[in-house]
Amino acid sequence: MSHVTALPRRRRHSFDNSPVTFVKRDEFCNMLLSFRKLVRADEDKYRGLLDLDTGRRFLIDRDELLKR
């Protein structure tokens, strides 16, 4: 089961060539609690984590992260 979500077309084009993965809420929360070397890497309305080992950023829409 994939945790990657689709972005609106207007936002997706800006990330096509960068190492970015959009994740769902549960996956993002699991990453926050993991032992991976992650640092905060927010962008505009997205909350993000940067994996220091791979350089990949994991982003989630701020509103999706905060909804119950």
C-alpha atoms as a PDB file:
ATOM      1  CA  MET A   1       0.000   0.000   0.000  1.00  0.00           C
ATOM      2  CA  SER A   2       1.473   3.331  -1.045  1.00  0.00           C
ATOM      3  CA  HIS A   3       1.493   6.307   1.293  1.00  0.00           C
ATOM      4  CA  VAL A   4       2.080   8.821  -1.491  1.00  0.00           C
ATOM      5  CA  THR A   5      -0.747  11.218  -2.235  1.00  0.00           C
ATOM      6  CA  ALA A   6      -1.499  13.143  -5.418  1.00  0.00           C
ATOM      7  CA  LEU A   7      -1.071  16.907  -5.609  1.00  0.00           C
ATOM      8  CA  PRO A   8      -3.060  19.396  -7.598  1.00  0.00           C
ATOM      9  CA  ARG A   9      -1.477  19.847 -11.032  1.00  0.00           C
ATOM     10  CA  ARG A  10      -0.435  23.478 -10.352  1.00  0.00           C
ATOM     11  CA  ARG A  11       1.718  22.467  -7.349  1.00  0.00           C
ATOM     12  CA  ARG A  12       2.992  19.146  -8.652  1.00  0.00           C
ATOM     13  CA  HIS A  13       5.065  20.642 -11.483  1.00  0.00           C
ATOM     14  CA  SER A  14       7.387  22.472  -9.077  1.00  0.00           C
ATOM     15  CA  PHE A  15       8.422  19.200  -7.398  1.00  0.00           C
ATOM     16  CA  ASP A  16       8.790  16.928 -10.434  1.00  0.00           C
ATOM     17  CA  ASN A  17      12.582  17.221 -10.604  1.00  0.00           C
ATOM     18  CA  SER A  18      13.372  17.295  -6.900  1.00  0.00           C
ATOM     19  CA  PRO A  19      13.697  14.429  -4.396  1.00  0.00           C
ATOM     20  CA  VAL A  20      10.314  15.017  -2.729  1.00  0.00           C
ATOM     21  CA  THR A  21       7.739  12.487  -1.584  1.00  0.00           C
ATOM     22  CA  PHE A  22       4.268  13.497  -0.440  1.00  0.00           C
ATOM     23  CA  VAL A  23       3.039  11.249   2.344  1.00  0.00           C
ATOM     24  CA  LYS A  24      -0.214  10.680   4.171  1.00  0.00           C
ATOM     25  CA  ARG A  25      -0.799  11.702   7.764  1.00  0.00           C
ATOM     26  CA  ASP A  26      -0.180   8.311   9.396  1.00  0.00           C
ATOM     27  CA  GLU A  27       3.104   7.813   7.564  1.00  0.00           C
ATOM     28  CA  PHE A  28       4.278  11.347   8.461  1.00  0.00           C
ATOM     29  CA  CYS A  29       3.495  10.772  12.144  1.00  0.00           C
ATOM     30  CA  ASN A  30       5.338   7.441  12.083  1.00  0.00           C
ATOM     31  CA  MET A  31       8.355   9.195  10.600  1.00  0.00           C
ATOM     32  CA  LEU A  32       8.257  11.780  13.383  1.00  0.00           C
ATOM     33  CA  LEU A  33       8.498   8.988  15.940  1.00  0.00           C
ATOM     34  CA  SER A  34      11.089   6.916  14.097  1.00  0.00           C
ATOM     35  CA  PHE A  35      14.822   6.649  14.734  1.00  0.00           C
ATOM     36  CA  ARG A  36      15.670   7.936  11.252  1.00  0.00           C
ATOM     37  CA  LYS A  37      17.848  11.034  11.007  1.00  0.00           C
ATOM     38  CA  LEU A  38      15.160  13.551  10.021  1.00  0.00           C
ATOM     39  CA  VAL A  39      15.077  17.327  10.402  1.00  0.00           C
ATOM     40  CA  ARG A  40      12.245  19.745   9.802  1.00  0.00           C
ATOM     41  CA  ALA A  41      12.022  21.070   6.243  1.00  0.00           C
ATOM     42  CA  ASP A  42       8.812  23.089   5.796  1.00  0.00           C
ATOM     43  CA  GLU A  43       7.781  24.756   2.561  1.00  0.00           C
ATOM     44  CA  ASP A  44       4.918  27.222   2.035  1.00  0.00           C
ATOM     45  CA  LYS A  45       1.754  25.462   3.224  1.00  0.00           C
ATOM     46  CA  TYR A  46       3.485  22.087   3.488  1.00  0.00           C
ATOM     47  CA  ARG A  47       5.127  20.599   6.558  1.00  0.00           C
ATOM     48  CA  GLY A  48       8.168  18.538   5.811  1.00  0.00           C
ATOM     49  CA  LEU A  49      10.956  16.319   7.023  1.00  0.00           C
ATOM     50  CA  LEU A  50      14.380  16.033   5.413  1.00  0.00           C
ATOM     51  CA  ASP A  51      16.126  12.659   5.575  1.00  0.00           C
ATOM     52  CA  LEU A  52      19.769  13.510   6.276  1.00  0.00           C
ATOM     53  CA  ASP A  53      20.999  10.152   4.943  1.00  0.00           C
ATOM     54  CA  THR A  54      19.311  10.311   1.529  1.00  0.00           C
ATOM     55  CA  GLY A  55      18.519  13.998   1.006  1.00  0.00           C
ATOM     56  CA  ARG A  56      14.866  13.178   0.260  1.00  0.00           C
ATOM     57  CA  ARG A  57      12.152  15.445   1.642  1.00  0.00           C
ATOM     58  CA  PHE A  58       8.824  14.106   2.853  1.00  0.00           C
ATOM     59  CA  LEU A  59       5.998  16.633   2.721  1.00  0.00           C
ATOM     60  CA  ILE A  60       2.381  16.759   3.840  1.00  0.00           C
ATOM     61  CA  ASP A  61      -0.228  19.470   3.480  1.00  0.00           C
ATOM     62  CA  ARG A  62      -0.428  21.356   6.773  1.00  0.00           C
ATOM     63  CA  ASP A  63      -4.240  21.125   6.860  1.00  0.00           C
ATOM     64  CA  GLU A  64      -4.170  17.349   6.321  1.00  0.00           C
ATOM     65  CA  LEU A  65      -1.625  16.920   9.108  1.00  0.00           C
ATOM     66  CA  LEU A  66      -3.714  18.860  11.621  1.00  0.00           C
ATOM     67  CA  LYS A  67      -7.129  17.373  10.813  1.00  0.00           C
ATOM     68  CA  ARG A  68      -8.604  14.729  13.098  1.00  0.00           C
END
